[in-house]
Protein backbone atom coordinates (compact mmCIF):
# COMPACT_ATOMS: atom_id res chain seq x y z
CA UNK A 1 22.93 125.10 54.43
CA UNK A 2 23.97 124.85 58.35
CA UNK A 3 22.60 127.23 60.69
CA UNK A 4 23.39 131.98 60.30
CA UNK A 5 26.40 132.91 59.61
CA UNK A 6 28.28 135.60 61.47
CA UNK A 7 26.67 138.62 60.93
CA UNK A 8 23.31 137.55 60.90
CA UNK A 9 24.31 135.93 64.81
CA UNK A 10 25.84 139.72 65.62
CA UNK A 11 22.64 141.39 63.53
CA UNK A 12 20.24 139.17 66.08
CA UNK A 13 22.49 140.32 69.26
CA UNK A 14 22.45 143.91 68.69
CA UNK A 15 18.66 143.82 68.22
CA UNK A 16 18.24 142.13 70.85
CA UNK A 17 21.15 143.98 72.88
CA UNK A 18 19.52 147.33 71.66
CA UNK A 19 15.34 145.74 72.96
CA UNK A 20 16.99 145.72 76.28
CA UNK A 21 18.79 149.35 76.65
CA UNK A 22 15.25 150.37 74.87
CA UNK A 23 12.88 148.67 78.49
CA UNK A 24 15.53 149.84 79.72
CA UNK A 25 15.26 154.06 79.69
CA UNK A 26 11.44 152.77 79.70
CA UNK A 27 11.40 151.37 82.51
CA UNK A 28 13.74 154.64 83.81
CA UNK A 29 11.13 157.16 83.12
CA UNK A 30 8.23 155.54 84.72
CA UNK A 31 11.07 155.04 88.25
CA UNK A 32 10.94 159.06 87.42
CA UNK A 33 7.60 159.95 87.10
CA UNK A 34 6.62 158.26 90.71
CA UNK A 35 9.40 159.77 92.18
CA UNK A 36 8.04 162.97 90.92
CA UNK A 37 4.39 162.16 92.17
CA UNK A 38 5.98 161.02 95.28
CA UNK A 39 7.51 164.21 95.62
CA UNK A 40 4.66 166.78 95.08
CA UNK A 41 2.03 164.22 97.75
CA UNK A 42 5.45 165.19 100.74
CA UNK A 43 5.11 168.90 99.34
CA UNK A 44 1.17 169.19 99.53
CA UNK A 45 1.12 167.48 102.92
CA UNK A 46 3.77 169.51 104.56
CA UNK A 47 2.02 172.96 103.59
CA UNK A 48 -1.57 171.35 104.81
CA UNK A 49 0.82 170.62 108.26
CA UNK A 50 2.05 174.91 107.61
CA UNK A 51 -1.83 175.84 107.01
CA UNK A 52 -3.45 173.68 110.28
CA UNK A 53 -0.50 174.61 113.13
CA UNK A 54 -0.35 178.49 111.28
CA UNK A 55 -4.66 178.53 112.03
CA UNK A 56 -3.96 176.92 114.75
CA UNK A 57 -0.87 180.28 116.06
CA UNK A 58 -3.13 182.22 114.74
CA UNK A 59 -6.44 180.92 116.96
CA UNK A 60 -4.15 181.43 120.19
CA UNK A 61 -3.50 184.79 119.25
CA UNK A 62 -6.67 185.88 118.69
CA UNK A 63 -7.99 183.55 122.00
CA UNK A 64 -4.57 185.45 123.84
CA UNK A 65 -6.12 188.72 123.17
CA UNK A 66 -10.06 188.08 124.41
CA UNK A 67 -8.87 185.64 127.21
CA UNK A 68 -7.64 186.86 130.43
CA UNK A 69 -4.75 186.38 131.48
CA UNK A 70 -5.28 184.65 134.64
CA UNK A 71 -6.39 181.64 132.06
CA UNK A 72 -3.12 181.95 129.81
CA UNK A 73 -1.97 178.61 131.29
CA UNK A 74 -5.38 177.08 128.84
CA UNK A 75 -5.18 178.85 126.06
CA UNK A 76 -5.20 175.35 124.08
CA UNK A 77 -8.69 174.78 125.24
CA UNK A 78 -9.88 178.09 124.65
CA UNK A 79 -8.57 177.44 120.77
CA UNK A 80 -10.99 177.42 117.50
CA UNK A 81 -11.05 173.66 117.35
CA UNK A 82 -10.69 172.76 120.51
CA UNK A 83 -12.98 174.60 120.89
CA UNK A 84 -15.97 173.74 119.05
CA UNK A 85 -14.63 169.81 120.47
CA UNK A 86 -17.22 168.67 123.00
CA UNK A 87 -15.73 167.10 125.78
CA UNK A 88 -16.41 163.14 127.18
CA UNK A 89 -18.91 162.88 130.00
CA UNK A 90 -18.12 161.37 132.70
CA UNK A 91 -20.48 159.23 133.97
């Protein structure tokens, strides 16, 4: 017998094609999961930024209530985060 018959070769080719298709589907699924994780991380980072901005705005509003009007042009210095920071010493 010389080689494989036509239907045997066709069956092998179909099996190879099916295996290739399954690998592509598996890889596509992995890429979608990675994309979702990246998106979730981005949303979490945005929320953290919004929380910081909201906190800064609240502290600024509270500072405006407590600080006399003539010092309002330096209001950021009176915010919670800035007031906790020690200025750099100048020699």
